[in-house]
């Protein structure tokens, strides 16, 4: 039996957001949160497992943090949601910040003004990670291991560490997943594609949106515009087929599809291909958005949680899409809705007041 059900590797950032759709340059106050694609999945999966009749799935997070208030804030808040943080590598704070923890500034857009995320993550502890800082074969005692293209891009050795982690996870018998999560501010298209192609032999479940597959794997969806603002699930059937043809060991390809009408009004849908066929969720029309950051991580979390619980493909996809649709209604990255709320929405529930 593995020690954990789910582990992930990544870099968390302190998230700072102006309220009321303000621009950063005009804000008189900032709301505090945590931004971290991989930690989002740990928190979400841990929270989905809270049920009086079920044991909580054991989740754990791997990262490297400086021991100052930002590191303590991240560790304490993750633990509050049931995430084991004992595998975090801690570096002593030098009182100046030559090595630091990262920040993420998020402007929540409105109307025609898009939301905007600004990274301030230079010289972070994780970006300076060295081979040997983590004994991956010893640490990765888990049923499922997950990481993303974000951490892969961060530093001189992070791509190598992601590769070492995936190899160790496979050696230890874990299912592995990877969210492509391309960020143009972190690396070039050429470097991203080179890294992704080296990692793919060790990935069982691949996740990403339409732009990610194009940029990082060179697999383009048909009939999308240059802004990827329109979606047709059948276009992504061809993408998934190409992925599974090129990488026949892949067990599932999952994609969330977003149609952007305004910054606060989107359509949302999911699709997934496995060896058993191609599955499409219902489309959630005109989702009114409180905060869209973390929606893709919620989709990944829902898929992984449902797969860990042994649900069938259509049920898994329907749950993940409903869960991630609800994430858009929650401020900050972590999806603080219950499993029961997501199941009710997937089953056709309404937004009527619950009493």
Foldseek 3Di string as FASTA:
>chain_A
DFPFAEEEEWAKAWEWEAPPLDDPVPGPGTDTDMAILGLLLQLQQQQQQDDPVGDGGAYEYEAEFEPDPGVVVVVVVSVVSRYHDPNYHYDYDPVPPLEHGKYKYWRQHWFADAIDIDIDGPRYPRQPDDPPSDPQLVPQRHQEYEYELVQCQRHDCSLVVVQVNLVSNVVNNHAYEYEHPDDVVRDHLVVLQVSCVSRLQSHQEYEYEQVSCCSRVVQHFPPADPVLQDDDVVSCVVSFVVSCVVHVNHAKYKYKHWHDPTSQWIKIWIWMQGPVGIETADIDGGQGFPALAQLRSLLVSQLSSCVSVPDDDHVSRLLSRLQSSQQRHDPDNHRPDYSVNSVCVSVPHDPPDDD
